[in-house]
Amino acid sequence: MHAFISHNHRDKPQVTPLAARLRLLGVDVWLDSWKIRPGDRIPGKINEALGLVDTVMVFWSANSSKSPWVNTEWEAALTRRLRDDSVRVIPVVLDDTPLPPLLEPIMWVSMVDGDVDRAARELVGVDSQAELVKTMQRTVEESGLEYTYFHGFGVIVGCPRCGAPSSKLEGWSAVDHVRDDMYAGVRCTECGWDEGGEV
């Protein structure tokens, strides 16, 4: 599946986690923040992508219903679908905003409850949460990435600031004796980036 993610930027906190899970499930995802670079012509990049993908996921919300971009994207996808049936259009409902009449008869996926894993399973046809996790784990293993777990932070592939590999990262821990709290995290020996939290 090569999927275009049509959404309003205000919905990105809901959209991005689902797009990331879809990537781990083997979907080639076109998300504007991942594909458009400074200096790119935005309408040209979107037009090119809409012509190449086989699936357009329309993330529908109060925000997207007012967005000229989102409406243009789903209308273009629906026109292509009616012309040659070469693209699937899948509404992904984020809130109780009614779908446009032309999208209403299409089987849609709900994310109103915020269940990103269930939505990902429905979109790719994975039967269970266990299968979802096993598929994503296989993708991580097959990637050959070097990654490390740091207490207080989690799994990390490399420094999010400078891109140093996980071998250049080190864990840390500290105790706040006044508050009787323990903290842990990870820091980069290359650029000094540091993050963690209470454990």
C-alpha atoms as a PDB file:
ATOM      1  CA  MET A   1       0.000   0.000   0.000  1.00  0.00           C
ATOM      2  CA  HIS A   2       1.273   3.477  -0.941  1.00  0.00           C
ATOM      3  CA  ALA A   3      -0.862   5.875   1.131  1.00  0.00           C
ATOM      4  CA  PHE A   4      -1.295   9.652   0.993  1.00  0.00           C
ATOM      5  CA  ILE A   5      -2.271  11.164   4.343  1.00  0.00           C
ATOM      6  CA  SER A   6      -4.729  14.031   3.807  1.00  0.00           C
ATOM      7  CA  HIS A   7      -5.209  16.013   7.017  1.00  0.00           C
ATOM      8  CA  ASN A   8      -5.308  19.458   8.561  1.00  0.00           C
ATOM      9  CA  HIS A   9      -2.114  20.514  10.357  1.00  0.00           C
ATOM     10  CA  ARG A  10      -4.045  21.047  13.606  1.00  0.00           C
ATOM     11  CA  ASP A  11      -4.768  17.306  13.659  1.00  0.00           C
ATOM     12  CA  LYS A  12      -1.115  16.296  13.289  1.00  0.00           C
ATOM     13  CA  PRO A  13      -0.854  15.100  16.948  1.00  0.00           C
ATOM     14  CA  GLN A  14      -3.519  12.474  16.157  1.00  0.00           C
ATOM     15  CA  VAL A  15      -2.360  11.735  12.618  1.00  0.00           C
ATOM     16  CA  THR A  16       1.398  11.278  13.051  1.00  0.00           C
ATOM     17  CA  PRO A  17       1.290   8.323  15.511  1.00  0.00           C
ATOM     18  CA  LEU A  18      -1.012   6.429  13.141  1.00  0.00           C
ATOM     19  CA  ALA A  19       1.190   7.257  10.137  1.00  0.00           C
ATOM     20  CA  ALA A  20       4.243   5.986  12.060  1.00  0.00           C
ATOM     21  CA  ARG A  21       2.497   2.723  12.931  1.00  0.00           C
ATOM     22  CA  LEU A  22       1.472   2.287   9.302  1.00  0.00           C
ATOM     23  CA  ARG A  23       5.128   2.663   8.300  1.00  0.00           C
ATOM     24  CA  LEU A  24       6.080  -0.083  10.768  1.00  0.00           C
ATOM     25  CA  LEU A  25       3.395  -2.253   9.180  1.00  0.00           C
ATOM     26  CA  GLY A  26       5.005  -1.883   5.756  1.00  0.00           C
ATOM     27  CA  VAL A  27       2.856   0.915   4.319  1.00  0.00           C
ATOM     28  CA  ASP A  28       4.685   3.460   2.150  1.00  0.00           C
ATOM     29  CA  VAL A  29       3.274   6.600   3.787  1.00  0.00           C
ATOM     30  CA  TRP A  30       3.223  10.054   2.166  1.00  0.00           C
ATOM     31  CA  LEU A  31       2.914  12.607   4.988  1.00  0.00           C
ATOM     32  CA  ASP A  32       3.645  16.254   4.173  1.00  0.00           C
ATOM     33  CA  SER A  33       6.009  16.822   7.110  1.00  0.00           C
ATOM     34  CA  TRP A  34       8.025  13.744   6.061  1.00  0.00           C
ATOM     35  CA  LYS A  35       8.103  14.404   2.316  1.00  0.00           C
ATOM     36  CA  ILE A  36       8.092  18.182   1.720  1.00  0.00           C
ATOM     37  CA  ARG A  37      11.412  19.957   2.233  1.00  0.00           C
ATOM     38  CA  PRO A  38      12.275  23.660   2.403  1.00  0.00           C
ATOM     39  CA  GLY A  39      12.241  25.109  -1.105  1.00  0.00           C
ATOM     40  CA  ASP A  40       9.800  22.517  -2.499  1.00  0.00           C
ATOM     41  CA  ARG A  41       6.711  23.738  -4.337  1.00  0.00           C
ATOM     42  CA  ILE A  42       3.978  22.465  -2.018  1.00  0.00           C
ATOM     43  CA  PRO A  43       1.148  22.218  -4.608  1.00  0.00           C
ATOM     44  CA  GLY A  44       3.506  20.437  -7.024  1.00  0.00           C
ATOM     45  CA  LYS A  45       4.618  17.865  -4.433  1.00  0.00           C
ATOM     46  CA  ILE A  46       1.033  17.175  -3.338  1.00  0.00           C
ATOM     47  CA  ASN A  47      -0.163  16.885  -6.943  1.00  0.00           C
ATOM     48  CA  GLU A  48       2.672  14.471  -7.754  1.00  0.00           C
ATOM     49  CA  ALA A  49       1.928  12.320  -4.705  1.00  0.00           C
ATOM     50  CA  LEU A  50      -1.818  12.197  -5.364  1.00  0.00           C
ATOM     51  CA  GLY A  51      -1.057  10.893  -8.847  1.00  0.00           C
ATOM     52  CA  LEU A  52       1.219   8.092  -7.610  1.00  0.00           C
ATOM     53  CA  VAL A  53      -0.430   6.653  -4.502  1.00  0.00           C
ATOM     54  CA  ASP A  54      -2.917   3.792  -4.492  1.00  0.00           C
ATOM     55  CA  THR A  55      -4.666   4.894  -1.270  1.00  0.00           C
ATOM     56  CA  VAL A  56      -5.736   8.287   0.058  1.00  0.00           C
ATOM     57  CA  MET A  57      -6.565   8.372   3.764  1.00  0.00           C
ATOM     58  CA  VAL A  58      -8.715  11.412   4.520  1.00  0.00           C
ATOM     59  CA  PHE A  59      -8.442  12.307   8.203  1.00  0.00           C
ATOM     60  CA  TRP A  60     -11.786  13.997   8.784  1.00  0.00           C
ATOM     61  CA  SER A  61     -12.443  16.442  11.619  1.00  0.00           C
ATOM     62  CA  ALA A  62     -13.867  19.873  12.352  1.00  0.00           C
ATOM     63  CA  ASN A  63     -10.452  21.224  11.330  1.00  0.00           C
ATOM     64  CA  SER A  64     -10.243  19.355   8.032  1.00  0.00           C
ATOM     65  CA  SER A  65     -13.845  20.161   7.110  1.00  0.00           C
ATOM     66  CA  LYS A  66     -12.831  23.844   6.970  1.00  0.00           C
ATOM     67  CA  SER A  67      -9.556  23.214   5.122  1.00  0.00           C
ATOM     68  CA  PRO A  68      -9.463  24.071   1.405  1.00  0.00           C
ATOM     69  CA  TRP A  69      -6.377  21.831   1.052  1.00  0.00           C
ATOM     70  CA  VAL A  70      -8.007  18.740   2.565  1.00  0.00           C
ATOM     71  CA  ASN A  71     -11.175  19.252   0.529  1.00  0.00           C
ATOM     72  CA  THR A  72      -9.163  19.658  -2.690  1.00  0.00           C
ATOM     73  CA  GLU A  73      -7.131  16.521  -1.902  1.00  0.00           C
ATOM     74  CA  TRP A  74     -10.085  14.223  -1.259  1.00  0.00           C
ATOM     75  CA  GLU A  75     -12.008  15.633  -4.225  1.00  0.00           C
ATOM     76  CA  ALA A  76      -9.014  14.965  -6.508  1.00  0.00           C
ATOM     77  CA  ALA A  77      -8.693  11.426  -5.123  1.00  0.00           C
ATOM     78  CA  LEU A  78     -12.406  10.746  -5.558  1.00  0.00           C
ATOM     79  CA  THR A  79     -12.306  12.051  -9.137  1.00  0.00           C
ATOM     80  CA  ARG A  80      -9.416   9.679  -9.896  1.00  0.00           C
ATOM     81  CA  ARG A  81     -11.309   6.817  -8.278  1.00  0.00           C
ATOM     82  CA  LEU A  82     -14.399   7.495 -10.380  1.00  0.00           C
ATOM     83  CA  ARG A  83     -12.322   7.888 -13.556  1.00  0.00           C
ATOM     84  CA  ASP A  84     -10.238   4.714 -13.454  1.00  0.00           C
ATOM     85  CA  ASP A  85     -10.681   3.048 -10.054  1.00  0.00           C
ATOM     86  CA  SER A  86      -6.902   3.225  -9.475  1.00  0.00           C
ATOM     87  CA  VAL A  87      -7.074   4.650  -5.957  1.00  0.00           C
ATOM     88  CA  ARG A  88      -8.871   3.762  -2.739  1.00  0.00           C
ATOM     89  CA  VAL A  89     -10.243   6.585  -0.630  1.00  0.00           C
ATOM     90  CA  ILE A  90     -10.542   5.806   3.080  1.00  0.00           C
ATOM     91  CA  PRO A  91     -12.059   8.355   5.455  1.00  0.00           C
ATOM     92  CA  VAL A  92     -10.526   8.237   8.956  1.00  0.00           C
ATOM     93  CA  VAL A  93     -12.924   9.989  11.321  1.00  0.00           C
ATOM     94  CA  LEU A  94     -11.294  11.942  14.170  1.00  0.00           C
ATOM     95  CA  ASP A  95     -14.368  13.538  15.750  1.00  0.00           C
ATOM     96  CA  ASP A  96     -18.144  13.771  15.308  1.00  0.00           C
ATOM     97  CA  THR A  97     -17.996  16.138  12.303  1.00  0.00           C
ATOM     98  CA  PRO A  98     -20.283  14.675   9.617  1.00  0.00           C
ATOM     99  CA  LEU A  99     -18.568  13.348   6.510  1.00  0.00           C
ATOM    100  CA  PRO A 100     -19.294  15.151   3.234  1.00  0.00           C
ATOM    101  CA  PRO A 101     -22.114  13.461   1.265  1.00  0.00           C
ATOM    102  CA  LEU A 102     -19.678  12.080  -1.335  1.00  0.00           C
ATOM    103  CA  LEU A 103     -17.580  10.364   1.377  1.00  0.00           C
ATOM    104  CA  GLU A 104     -20.515   9.075   3.460  1.00  0.00           C
ATOM    105  CA  PRO A 105     -21.104   5.861   1.483  1.00  0.00           C
ATOM    106  CA  ILE A 106     -17.439   4.820   1.708  1.00  0.00           C
ATOM    107  CA  MET A 107     -16.477   2.426   4.518  1.00  0.00           C
ATOM    108  CA  TRP A 108     -14.571   4.533   7.057  1.00  0.00           C
ATOM    109  CA  VAL A 109     -12.341   3.973  10.086  1.00  0.00           C
ATOM    110  CA  SER A 110     -13.048   5.694  13.395  1.00  0.00           C
ATOM    111  CA  MET A 111     -10.368   7.230  15.612  1.00  0.00           C
ATOM    112  CA  VAL A 112     -12.855   9.143  17.746  1.00  0.00           C
ATOM    113  CA  ASP A 113     -11.836   6.997  20.737  1.00  0.00           C
ATOM    114  CA  GLY A 114      -8.132   7.710  20.122  1.00  0.00           C
ATOM    115  CA  ASP A 115      -7.301   4.005  19.655  1.00  0.00           C
ATOM    116  CA  VAL A 116      -4.419   4.321  17.191  1.00  0.00           C
ATOM    117  CA  ASP A 117      -3.540   0.609  17.216  1.00  0.00           C
ATOM    118  CA  ARG A 118      -7.083  -0.483  16.360  1.00  0.00           C
ATOM    119  CA  ALA A 119      -7.257   2.066  13.532  1.00  0.00           C
ATOM    120  CA  ALA A 120      -3.917   0.832  12.141  1.00  0.00           C
ATOM    121  CA  ARG A 121      -5.141  -2.782  12.298  1.00  0.00           C
ATOM    122  CA  GLU A 122      -8.320  -1.896  10.432  1.00  0.00           C
ATOM    123  CA  LEU A 123      -6.477   0.076   7.757  1.00  0.00           C
ATOM    124  CA  VAL A 124      -4.054  -2.731   6.892  1.00  0.00           C
ATOM    125  CA  GLY A 125      -6.223  -5.738   7.721  1.00  0.00           C
ATOM    126  CA  VAL A 126      -4.316  -7.086  10.722  1.00  0.00           C
ATOM    127  CA  ASP A 127      -6.602  -9.288  12.810  1.00  0.00           C
ATOM    128  CA  SER A 128      -5.329  -8.770  16.343  1.00  0.00           C
ATOM    129  CA  GLN A 129      -3.202  -6.581  18.576  1.00  0.00           C
ATOM    130  CA  ALA A 130      -0.736  -9.456  18.907  1.00  0.00           C
ATOM    131  CA  GLU A 131      -0.321  -9.649  15.118  1.00  0.00           C
ATOM    132  CA  LEU A 132       0.102  -5.867  14.971  1.00  0.00           C
ATOM    133  CA  VAL A 133       2.907  -5.970  17.553  1.00  0.00           C
ATOM    134  CA  LYS A 134       4.599  -8.979  15.921  1.00  0.00           C
ATOM    135  CA  THR A 135       4.532  -7.303  12.499  1.00  0.00           C
ATOM    136  CA  MET A 136       5.974  -4.054  13.844  1.00  0.00           C
ATOM    137  CA  GLN A 137       8.659  -5.977  15.788  1.00  0.00           C
ATOM    138  CA  ARG A 138       9.629  -7.866  12.607  1.00  0.00           C
ATOM    139  CA  THR A 139      10.023  -4.539  10.792  1.00  0.00           C
ATOM    140  CA  VAL A 140      12.301  -3.202  13.536  1.00  0.00           C
ATOM    141  CA  GLU A 141      14.397  -6.405  13.553  1.00  0.00           C
ATOM    142  CA  GLU A 142      14.685  -6.511   9.756  1.00  0.00           C
ATOM    143  CA  SER A 143      15.803  -2.878   9.654  1.00  0.00           C
ATOM    144  CA  GLY A 144      19.175  -3.826  11.119  1.00  0.00           C
ATOM    145  CA  LEU A 145      19.158  -0.679  13.238  1.00  0.00           C
ATOM    146  CA  GLU A 146      21.341  -0.459  16.305  1.00  0.00           C
ATOM    147  CA  TYR A 147      19.144   0.641  19.181  1.00  0.00           C
ATOM    148  CA  THR A 148      19.459   0.801  22.949  1.00  0.00           C
ATOM    149  CA  TYR A 149      17.052   1.026  25.868  1.00  0.00           C
ATOM    150  CA  PHE A 150      17.761   3.732  28.437  1.00  0.00           C
ATOM    151  CA  HIS A 151      15.917   3.743  31.756  1.00  0.00           C
ATOM    152  CA  GLY A 152      13.907   6.960  32.084  1.00  0.00           C
ATOM    153  CA  PHE A 153      13.764   7.493  28.316  1.00  0.00           C
ATOM    154  CA  GLY A 154      13.030   4.259  26.435  1.00  0.00           C
ATOM    155  CA  VAL A 155      14.322   2.807  23.177  1.00  0.00           C
ATOM    156  CA  ILE A 156      16.456   5.086  21.030  1.00  0.00           C
ATOM    157  CA  VAL A 157      18.183   4.617  17.677  1.00  0.00           C
ATOM    158  CA  GLY A 158      20.313   7.747  17.851  1.00  0.00           C
ATOM    159  CA  CYS A 159      20.514  11.319  19.025  1.00  0.00           C
ATOM    160  CA  PRO A 160      17.461  13.262  17.838  1.00  0.00           C
ATOM    161  CA  ARG A 161      19.521  16.479  17.759  1.00  0.00           C
ATOM    162  CA  CYS A 162      22.767  15.563  15.953  1.00  0.00           C
ATOM    163  CA  GLY A 163      22.093  12.060  14.618  1.00  0.00           C
ATOM    164  CA  ALA A 164      24.890  10.322  16.522  1.00  0.00           C
ATOM    165  CA  PRO A 165      24.307   6.540  16.736  1.00  0.00           C
ATOM    166  CA  SER A 166      23.136   4.933  19.967  1.00  0.00           C
ATOM    167  CA  SER A 167      26.727   3.854  20.679  1.00  0.00           C
ATOM    168  CA  LYS A 168      27.477   7.555  21.321  1.00  0.00           C
ATOM    169  CA  LEU A 169      24.704   7.854  23.908  1.00  0.00           C
ATOM    170  CA  GLU A 170      25.032   7.198  27.620  1.00  0.00           C
ATOM    171  CA  GLY A 171      22.524   6.696  30.384  1.00  0.00           C
ATOM    172  CA  TRP A 172      22.435   8.753  33.537  1.00  0.00           C
ATOM    173  CA  SER A 173      20.585   8.698  36.841  1.00  0.00           C
ATOM    174  CA  ALA A 174      20.210  11.114  39.732  1.00  0.00           C
ATOM    175  CA  VAL A 175      18.441  11.270  43.079  1.00  0.00           C
ATOM    176  CA  ASP A 176      16.661  14.300  44.463  1.00  0.00           C
ATOM    177  CA  HIS A 177      17.117  13.600  48.186  1.00  0.00           C
ATOM    178  CA  VAL A 178      14.897  16.515  49.215  1.00  0.00           C
ATOM    179  CA  ARG A 179      11.891  15.213  47.255  1.00  0.00           C
ATOM    180  CA  ASP A 180      12.972  11.557  47.513  1.00  0.00           C
ATOM    181  CA  ASP A 181      12.648  11.137  43.740  1.00  0.00           C
ATOM    182  CA  MET A 182      14.856   9.249  41.295  1.00  0.00           C
ATOM    183  CA  TYR A 183      15.490  10.463  37.756  1.00  0.00           C
ATOM    184  CA  ALA A 184      17.094   8.743  34.772  1.00  0.00           C
ATOM    185  CA  GLY A 185      17.651   9.416  31.126  1.00  0.00           C
ATOM    186  CA  VAL A 186      20.068   9.563  28.237  1.00  0.00           C
ATOM    187  CA  ARG A 187      22.610  12.086  26.955  1.00  0.00           C
ATOM    188  CA  CYS A 188      24.626  12.383  23.767  1.00  0.00           C
ATOM    189  CA  THR A 189      28.400  12.467  24.148  1.00  0.00           C
ATOM    190  CA  GLU A 190      28.700  14.225  20.772  1.00  0.00           C
ATOM    191  CA  CYS A 191      26.400  17.268  21.122  1.00  0.00           C
ATOM    192  CA  GLY A 192      25.313  17.229  24.787  1.00  0.00           C
ATOM    193  CA  TRP A 193      21.596  16.597  24.108  1.00  0.00           C
ATOM    194  CA  ASP A 194      20.005  15.290  27.305  1.00  0.00           C
ATOM    195  CA  GLU A 195      16.552  14.002  28.141  1.00  0.00           C
ATOM    196  CA  GLY A 196      14.919  11.881  30.808  1.00  0.00           C
ATOM    197  CA  GLY A 197      12.440  11.927  33.611  1.00  0.00           C
ATOM    198  CA  GLU A 198      11.300  10.661  36.959  1.00  0.00           C
ATOM    199  CA  VAL A 199      11.416   6.870  37.370  1.00  0.00           C
END
